[in-house]
Amino acid sequence: MASGFPVGIGRSKCLCGEVFGDVMALGMFFGRTKQGDKKVEKNLELSKELHDYLKNTNGKNTLYCRILTKEFDMSQGEHKEQCIYFTVLVEKVAEIVIRELGLVNIDDKKLIEA
């Protein structure tokens, strides 16, 4: 389903495909299931939180692939290491889901050490 996300959606170098995937994941938990559903407000709030986190955490203060990859030779695949790093940031989605659903992350190292 997400095969078209790379390189800013279909190589358009627009919004980073990782962001689309992350927002879709939030939508699975908090998205509306029918028009007019009030859940959409919570989903929008959480999606904005995620957006801001990803933008502020990636070190480039943007989510546009064109800017994120401008110093890389895309034909040589130089951007892939950075993309892998951004993909690791998906843990923020898990943090949001766990927090909002009142769950406990049993894999959290802090809990294991306690």
C-alpha atoms as a PDB file:
ATOM      1  CA  MET A   1       0.000   0.000   0.000  1.00  0.00           C
ATOM      2  CA  ALA A   2       2.850   2.395   0.716  1.00  0.00           C
ATOM      3  CA  SER A   3       5.004   1.530  -2.313  1.00  0.00           C
ATOM      4  CA  GLY A   4       4.375   4.954  -3.838  1.00  0.00           C
ATOM      5  CA  PHE A   5       5.551   6.897  -0.777  1.00  0.00           C
ATOM      6  CA  PRO A   6       9.332   6.997  -1.407  1.00  0.00           C
ATOM      7  CA  VAL A   7      11.147  10.131  -2.523  1.00  0.00           C
ATOM      8  CA  GLY A   8       8.375  12.486  -1.542  1.00  0.00           C
ATOM      9  CA  ILE A   9       5.494  10.476  -3.033  1.00  0.00           C
ATOM     10  CA  GLY A  10       6.240   8.926  -6.395  1.00  0.00           C
ATOM     11  CA  ARG A  11       9.596  10.699  -6.685  1.00  0.00           C
ATOM     12  CA  SER A  12       7.887  14.085  -6.744  1.00  0.00           C
ATOM     13  CA  LYS A  13      10.089  15.211  -3.829  1.00  0.00           C
ATOM     14  CA  CYS A  14       7.113  16.802  -2.094  1.00  0.00           C
ATOM     15  CA  LEU A  15       6.177  15.854   1.457  1.00  0.00           C
ATOM     16  CA  CYS A  16       8.335  13.044   2.873  1.00  0.00           C
ATOM     17  CA  GLY A  17       6.597   9.702   2.356  1.00  0.00           C
ATOM     18  CA  GLU A  18       7.402   8.718   5.942  1.00  0.00           C
ATOM     19  CA  VAL A  19       5.058  11.423   7.171  1.00  0.00           C
ATOM     20  CA  PHE A  20       2.190  10.080   5.081  1.00  0.00           C
ATOM     21  CA  GLY A  21       2.736   6.574   6.434  1.00  0.00           C
ATOM     22  CA  ASP A  22       2.895   7.797  10.013  1.00  0.00           C
ATOM     23  CA  VAL A  23      -0.317   9.804   9.675  1.00  0.00           C
ATOM     24  CA  MET A  24      -2.035   6.788   8.140  1.00  0.00           C
ATOM     25  CA  ALA A  25      -0.946   4.697  11.130  1.00  0.00           C
ATOM     26  CA  LEU A  26      -2.477   7.238  13.519  1.00  0.00           C
ATOM     27  CA  GLY A  27      -5.636   7.162  11.439  1.00  0.00           C
ATOM     28  CA  MET A  28      -5.975   3.428  12.032  1.00  0.00           C
ATOM     29  CA  PHE A  29      -6.356   4.110  15.747  1.00  0.00           C
ATOM     30  CA  PHE A  30      -7.942   7.538  15.901  1.00  0.00           C
ATOM     31  CA  GLY A  31      -9.458   8.149  12.470  1.00  0.00           C
ATOM     32  CA  ARG A  32     -13.100   8.625  11.755  1.00  0.00           C
ATOM     33  CA  THR A  33     -15.201   5.814  10.385  1.00  0.00           C
ATOM     34  CA  LYS A  34     -18.084   7.904   9.072  1.00  0.00           C
ATOM     35  CA  GLN A  35     -18.605  11.455   7.912  1.00  0.00           C
ATOM     36  CA  GLY A  36     -19.302  13.874  10.725  1.00  0.00           C
ATOM     37  CA  ASP A  37     -17.545  11.675  13.282  1.00  0.00           C
ATOM     38  CA  LYS A  38     -16.139  13.922  16.031  1.00  0.00           C
ATOM     39  CA  LYS A  39     -13.073  11.661  16.327  1.00  0.00           C
ATOM     40  CA  VAL A  40     -11.583  13.601  13.438  1.00  0.00           C
ATOM     41  CA  GLU A  41     -10.655  16.488  15.762  1.00  0.00           C
ATOM     42  CA  LYS A  42      -8.534  14.232  17.971  1.00  0.00           C
ATOM     43  CA  ASN A  43      -6.916  12.669  14.911  1.00  0.00           C
ATOM     44  CA  LEU A  44      -6.052  16.105  13.518  1.00  0.00           C
ATOM     45  CA  GLU A  45      -4.562  17.160  16.865  1.00  0.00           C
ATOM     46  CA  LEU A  46      -2.406  14.036  17.075  1.00  0.00           C
ATOM     47  CA  SER A  47      -1.348  14.309  13.433  1.00  0.00           C
ATOM     48  CA  LYS A  48      -0.213  17.895  14.035  1.00  0.00           C
ATOM     49  CA  GLU A  49       1.731  16.754  17.107  1.00  0.00           C
ATOM     50  CA  LEU A  50       3.428  14.096  14.991  1.00  0.00           C
ATOM     51  CA  HIS A  51       4.127  16.551  12.158  1.00  0.00           C
ATOM     52  CA  ASP A  52       5.745  19.049  14.485  1.00  0.00           C
ATOM     53  CA  TYR A  53       7.818  16.360  16.194  1.00  0.00           C
ATOM     54  CA  LEU A  54       9.149  14.976  12.910  1.00  0.00           C
ATOM     55  CA  LYS A  55       9.893  18.446  11.559  1.00  0.00           C
ATOM     56  CA  ASN A  56      11.713  19.538  14.707  1.00  0.00           C
ATOM     57  CA  THR A  57      13.584  16.270  15.249  1.00  0.00           C
ATOM     58  CA  ASN A  58      15.060  15.615  11.827  1.00  0.00           C
ATOM     59  CA  GLY A  59      17.634  18.395  12.108  1.00  0.00           C
ATOM     60  CA  LYS A  60      16.530  20.201   8.946  1.00  0.00           C
ATOM     61  CA  ASN A  61      13.310  21.823  10.184  1.00  0.00           C
ATOM     62  CA  THR A  62      11.339  20.678   7.162  1.00  0.00           C
ATOM     63  CA  LEU A  63       9.409  17.671   5.911  1.00  0.00           C
ATOM     64  CA  TYR A  64       9.833  18.343   2.195  1.00  0.00           C
ATOM     65  CA  CYS A  65      11.875  15.657   0.495  1.00  0.00           C
ATOM     66  CA  ARG A  66      13.282  18.182  -1.992  1.00  0.00           C
ATOM     67  CA  ILE A  67      14.925  20.093   0.861  1.00  0.00           C
ATOM     68  CA  LEU A  68      15.764  17.052   2.999  1.00  0.00           C
ATOM     69  CA  THR A  69      17.715  15.468   0.146  1.00  0.00           C
ATOM     70  CA  LYS A  70      19.127  18.457  -1.741  1.00  0.00           C
ATOM     71  CA  GLU A  71      22.758  17.689  -0.857  1.00  0.00           C
ATOM     72  CA  PHE A  72      22.518  14.070  -1.991  1.00  0.00           C
ATOM     73  CA  ASP A  73      23.076  12.484  -5.393  1.00  0.00           C
ATOM     74  CA  MET A  74      19.792  10.620  -5.617  1.00  0.00           C
ATOM     75  CA  SER A  75      20.997   8.455  -8.519  1.00  0.00           C
ATOM     76  CA  GLN A  76      23.689   7.050  -6.231  1.00  0.00           C
ATOM     77  CA  GLY A  77      21.277   6.338  -3.384  1.00  0.00           C
ATOM     78  CA  GLU A  78      23.110   8.667  -1.003  1.00  0.00           C
ATOM     79  CA  HIS A  79      19.834   9.722   0.597  1.00  0.00           C
ATOM     80  CA  LYS A  80      18.896   6.239   1.798  1.00  0.00           C
ATOM     81  CA  GLU A  81      20.773   6.413   5.108  1.00  0.00           C
ATOM     82  CA  GLN A  82      18.919   9.609   6.002  1.00  0.00           C
ATOM     83  CA  CYS A  83      15.600   8.042   4.987  1.00  0.00           C
ATOM     84  CA  ILE A  84      16.304   5.062   7.223  1.00  0.00           C
ATOM     85  CA  TYR A  85      16.956   7.457  10.106  1.00  0.00           C
ATOM     86  CA  PHE A  86      13.638   9.206   9.470  1.00  0.00           C
ATOM     87  CA  THR A  87      11.875   5.848   9.388  1.00  0.00           C
ATOM     88  CA  VAL A  88      13.185   5.126  12.891  1.00  0.00           C
ATOM     89  CA  LEU A  89      11.382   8.271  14.051  1.00  0.00           C
ATOM     90  CA  VAL A  90       8.155   6.291  13.544  1.00  0.00           C
ATOM     91  CA  GLU A  91       8.536   5.282  17.193  1.00  0.00           C
ATOM     92  CA  LYS A  92       6.756   8.568  17.914  1.00  0.00           C
ATOM     93  CA  VAL A  93       3.581   7.052  16.458  1.00  0.00           C
ATOM     94  CA  ALA A  94       3.827   4.188  18.936  1.00  0.00           C
ATOM     95  CA  GLU A  95       4.402   6.634  21.793  1.00  0.00           C
ATOM     96  CA  ILE A  96       1.286   8.602  20.833  1.00  0.00           C
ATOM     97  CA  VAL A  97      -0.866   5.474  20.489  1.00  0.00           C
ATOM     98  CA  ILE A  98       0.337   4.083  23.824  1.00  0.00           C
ATOM     99  CA  ARG A  99      -0.228   7.405  25.591  1.00  0.00           C
ATOM    100  CA  GLU A 100      -3.650   8.107  24.099  1.00  0.00           C
ATOM    101  CA  LEU A 101      -5.012   4.609  24.656  1.00  0.00           C
ATOM    102  CA  GLY A 102      -3.631   4.419  28.196  1.00  0.00           C
ATOM    103  CA  LEU A 103      -1.489   1.399  27.404  1.00  0.00           C
ATOM    104  CA  VAL A 104       1.803   0.295  28.931  1.00  0.00           C
ATOM    105  CA  ASN A 105       4.797  -0.361  26.712  1.00  0.00           C
ATOM    106  CA  ILE A 106       6.247  -3.557  28.157  1.00  0.00           C
ATOM    107  CA  ASP A 107       9.255  -3.206  25.818  1.00  0.00           C
ATOM    108  CA  ASP A 108      10.210   0.141  27.352  1.00  0.00           C
ATOM    109  CA  LYS A 109      13.686  -0.260  28.839  1.00  0.00           C
ATOM    110  CA  LYS A 110      12.829   2.163  31.633  1.00  0.00           C
ATOM    111  CA  LEU A 111      10.072  -0.171  32.839  1.00  0.00           C
ATOM    112  CA  ILE A 112      12.363  -3.191  32.711  1.00  0.00           C
ATOM    113  CA  GLU A 113      15.065  -1.444  34.754  1.00  0.00           C
ATOM    114  CA  ALA A 114      12.589  -0.260  37.404  1.00  0.00           C
END
